[in-house]
């Protein structure tokens, strides 16, 4: 996953943001979760449609979402109840993990 992010030009804060979500979400597995979520960050709904089955493909989808998000520099799609809503919280979660 780290190599895929580096290959796509993600800088250190972006890699930390992604890894801090992926580790607790899926452990890096691109497989379905079995609870209606798919892939490295638990894509659901329209985000899961036509999702590539491999990690590099899912990283590409994720990075496109990050760069097309107006809050990309402090990105999270943690959702309510995760306790992870800002880049700083993502960094802390990643370091604690």
C-alpha atoms as a PDB file:
ATOM      1  CA  UNK A   1       0.000   0.000   0.000  1.00  0.00           C
ATOM      2  CA  UNK A   2       2.810   2.381   0.900  1.00  0.00           C
ATOM      3  CA  UNK A   3       4.518   1.656  -2.434  1.00  0.00           C
ATOM      4  CA  UNK A   4       1.262   2.278  -4.307  1.00  0.00           C
ATOM      5  CA  UNK A   5       0.845   5.639  -2.586  1.00  0.00           C
ATOM      6  CA  UNK A   6       4.435   6.667  -3.267  1.00  0.00           C
ATOM      7  CA  UNK A   7       4.102   5.633  -6.923  1.00  0.00           C
ATOM      8  CA  UNK A   8       1.113   7.956  -7.218  1.00  0.00           C
ATOM      9  CA  UNK A   9       2.995  10.900  -5.704  1.00  0.00           C
ATOM     10  CA  UNK A  10       1.401  10.964  -2.239  1.00  0.00           C
ATOM     11  CA  UNK A  11       3.481  12.990   0.192  1.00  0.00           C
ATOM     12  CA  UNK A  12       4.079  11.953   3.818  1.00  0.00           C
ATOM     13  CA  UNK A  13       0.950  13.598   5.343  1.00  0.00           C
ATOM     14  CA  UNK A  14      -1.234  12.073   2.620  1.00  0.00           C
ATOM     15  CA  UNK A  15       0.278   8.626   3.184  1.00  0.00           C
ATOM     16  CA  UNK A  16      -0.259   8.920   6.941  1.00  0.00           C
ATOM     17  CA  UNK A  17      -3.869   9.970   6.374  1.00  0.00           C
ATOM     18  CA  UNK A  18      -4.554   6.983   4.134  1.00  0.00           C
ATOM     19  CA  UNK A  19      -2.665   4.431   6.221  1.00  0.00           C
ATOM     20  CA  UNK A  20      -4.321   5.569   9.440  1.00  0.00           C
ATOM     21  CA  UNK A  21      -7.705   4.779   7.904  1.00  0.00           C
ATOM     22  CA  UNK A  22      -6.744   1.602   6.066  1.00  0.00           C
ATOM     23  CA  UNK A  23      -5.077  -0.210   8.969  1.00  0.00           C
ATOM     24  CA  UNK A  24      -8.117  -0.312  11.282  1.00  0.00           C
ATOM     25  CA  UNK A  25     -10.603  -0.527   8.395  1.00  0.00           C
ATOM     26  CA  UNK A  26      -9.251  -3.482   6.417  1.00  0.00           C
ATOM     27  CA  UNK A  27      -5.645  -4.174   7.373  1.00  0.00           C
ATOM     28  CA  UNK A  28      -4.837  -3.318   3.761  1.00  0.00           C
ATOM     29  CA  UNK A  29      -6.956  -6.036   2.178  1.00  0.00           C
ATOM     30  CA  UNK A  30      -8.733  -5.043  -1.039  1.00  0.00           C
ATOM     31  CA  UNK A  31     -11.316  -7.818  -0.494  1.00  0.00           C
ATOM     32  CA  UNK A  32     -14.969  -7.344   0.506  1.00  0.00           C
ATOM     33  CA  UNK A  33     -15.483  -6.978   4.252  1.00  0.00           C
ATOM     34  CA  UNK A  34     -18.658  -9.049   4.361  1.00  0.00           C
ATOM     35  CA  UNK A  35     -20.698  -6.204   5.880  1.00  0.00           C
ATOM     36  CA  UNK A  36     -21.576  -4.361   2.691  1.00  0.00           C
ATOM     37  CA  UNK A  37     -18.238  -2.577   2.581  1.00  0.00           C
ATOM     38  CA  UNK A  38     -15.510  -3.277   0.058  1.00  0.00           C
ATOM     39  CA  UNK A  39     -11.808  -2.782  -0.160  1.00  0.00           C
ATOM     40  CA  UNK A  40      -9.056  -0.949   1.624  1.00  0.00           C
ATOM     41  CA  UNK A  41     -11.249   1.714   3.243  1.00  0.00           C
ATOM     42  CA  UNK A  42     -14.646   0.081   3.194  1.00  0.00           C
ATOM     43  CA  UNK A  43     -16.039   1.696   0.069  1.00  0.00           C
ATOM     44  CA  UNK A  44     -19.856   1.593   0.035  1.00  0.00           C
ATOM     45  CA  UNK A  45     -22.678   2.576  -2.265  1.00  0.00           C
ATOM     46  CA  UNK A  46     -21.707   4.463  -5.396  1.00  0.00           C
ATOM     47  CA  UNK A  47     -18.083   4.545  -4.207  1.00  0.00           C
ATOM     48  CA  UNK A  48     -18.021   0.726  -4.373  1.00  0.00           C
ATOM     49  CA  UNK A  49     -19.446   0.495  -7.891  1.00  0.00           C
ATOM     50  CA  UNK A  50     -16.844  -0.616 -10.433  1.00  0.00           C
ATOM     51  CA  UNK A  51     -14.195  -0.655  -7.687  1.00  0.00           C
ATOM     52  CA  UNK A  52     -10.999  -2.389  -8.837  1.00  0.00           C
ATOM     53  CA  UNK A  53     -10.279  -5.629  -6.993  1.00  0.00           C
ATOM     54  CA  UNK A  54      -6.556  -4.917  -6.499  1.00  0.00           C
ATOM     55  CA  UNK A  55      -4.850  -2.642  -3.977  1.00  0.00           C
ATOM     56  CA  UNK A  56      -3.141  -0.347  -6.532  1.00  0.00           C
ATOM     57  CA  UNK A  57      -6.456   0.169  -8.335  1.00  0.00           C
ATOM     58  CA  UNK A  58      -8.233   0.999  -5.080  1.00  0.00           C
ATOM     59  CA  UNK A  59      -5.442   3.380  -4.091  1.00  0.00           C
ATOM     60  CA  UNK A  60      -5.963   5.143  -7.428  1.00  0.00           C
ATOM     61  CA  UNK A  61      -9.703   5.519  -6.711  1.00  0.00           C
ATOM     62  CA  UNK A  62      -8.941   6.754  -3.195  1.00  0.00           C
ATOM     63  CA  UNK A  63      -6.319   9.252  -4.362  1.00  0.00           C
ATOM     64  CA  UNK A  64      -8.709  10.637  -6.988  1.00  0.00           C
ATOM     65  CA  UNK A  65     -11.226  11.175  -4.189  1.00  0.00           C
ATOM     66  CA  UNK A  66      -8.630  12.889  -2.042  1.00  0.00           C
ATOM     67  CA  UNK A  67      -7.456  15.251  -4.748  1.00  0.00           C
ATOM     68  CA  UNK A  68     -10.993  16.093  -5.842  1.00  0.00           C
ATOM     69  CA  UNK A  69     -12.048  16.872  -2.264  1.00  0.00           C
ATOM     70  CA  UNK A  70     -12.010  20.585  -1.373  1.00  0.00           C
ATOM     71  CA  UNK A  71     -10.574  19.638   2.044  1.00  0.00           C
ATOM     72  CA  UNK A  72      -7.875  17.368   0.580  1.00  0.00           C
ATOM     73  CA  UNK A  73      -5.113  18.756   2.808  1.00  0.00           C
ATOM     74  CA  UNK A  74      -7.013  17.600   5.890  1.00  0.00           C
ATOM     75  CA  UNK A  75      -8.831  14.674   4.337  1.00  0.00           C
ATOM     76  CA  UNK A  76     -10.853  12.013   6.062  1.00  0.00           C
ATOM     77  CA  UNK A  77     -13.902  10.048   5.230  1.00  0.00           C
ATOM     78  CA  UNK A  78     -13.980   8.645   8.755  1.00  0.00           C
ATOM     79  CA  UNK A  79     -17.679   9.205   9.227  1.00  0.00           C
ATOM     80  CA  UNK A  80     -19.614   9.849  12.399  1.00  0.00           C
ATOM     81  CA  UNK A  81     -18.543   7.870  15.426  1.00  0.00           C
ATOM     82  CA  UNK A  82     -15.046   6.984  14.243  1.00  0.00           C
ATOM     83  CA  UNK A  83     -13.345   9.707  16.265  1.00  0.00           C
ATOM     84  CA  UNK A  84     -11.208  10.473  13.205  1.00  0.00           C
ATOM     85  CA  UNK A  85     -12.284  13.639  11.466  1.00  0.00           C
ATOM     86  CA  UNK A  86      -9.087  15.648  10.959  1.00  0.00           C
ATOM     87  CA  UNK A  87      -5.586  15.106   9.706  1.00  0.00           C
ATOM     88  CA  UNK A  88      -4.195  15.501  13.229  1.00  0.00           C
ATOM     89  CA  UNK A  89      -6.573  12.842  14.566  1.00  0.00           C
ATOM     90  CA  UNK A  90      -5.572  10.549  11.674  1.00  0.00           C
ATOM     91  CA  UNK A  91      -1.882  11.045  12.498  1.00  0.00           C
ATOM     92  CA  UNK A  92      -2.533  10.207  16.172  1.00  0.00           C
ATOM     93  CA  UNK A  93      -4.543   7.113  15.254  1.00  0.00           C
ATOM     94  CA  UNK A  94      -1.819   5.955  12.885  1.00  0.00           C
ATOM     95  CA  UNK A  95       0.934   6.459  15.448  1.00  0.00           C
ATOM     96  CA  UNK A  96      -1.079   4.699  18.161  1.00  0.00           C
ATOM     97  CA  UNK A  97      -1.890   1.811  15.825  1.00  0.00           C
END
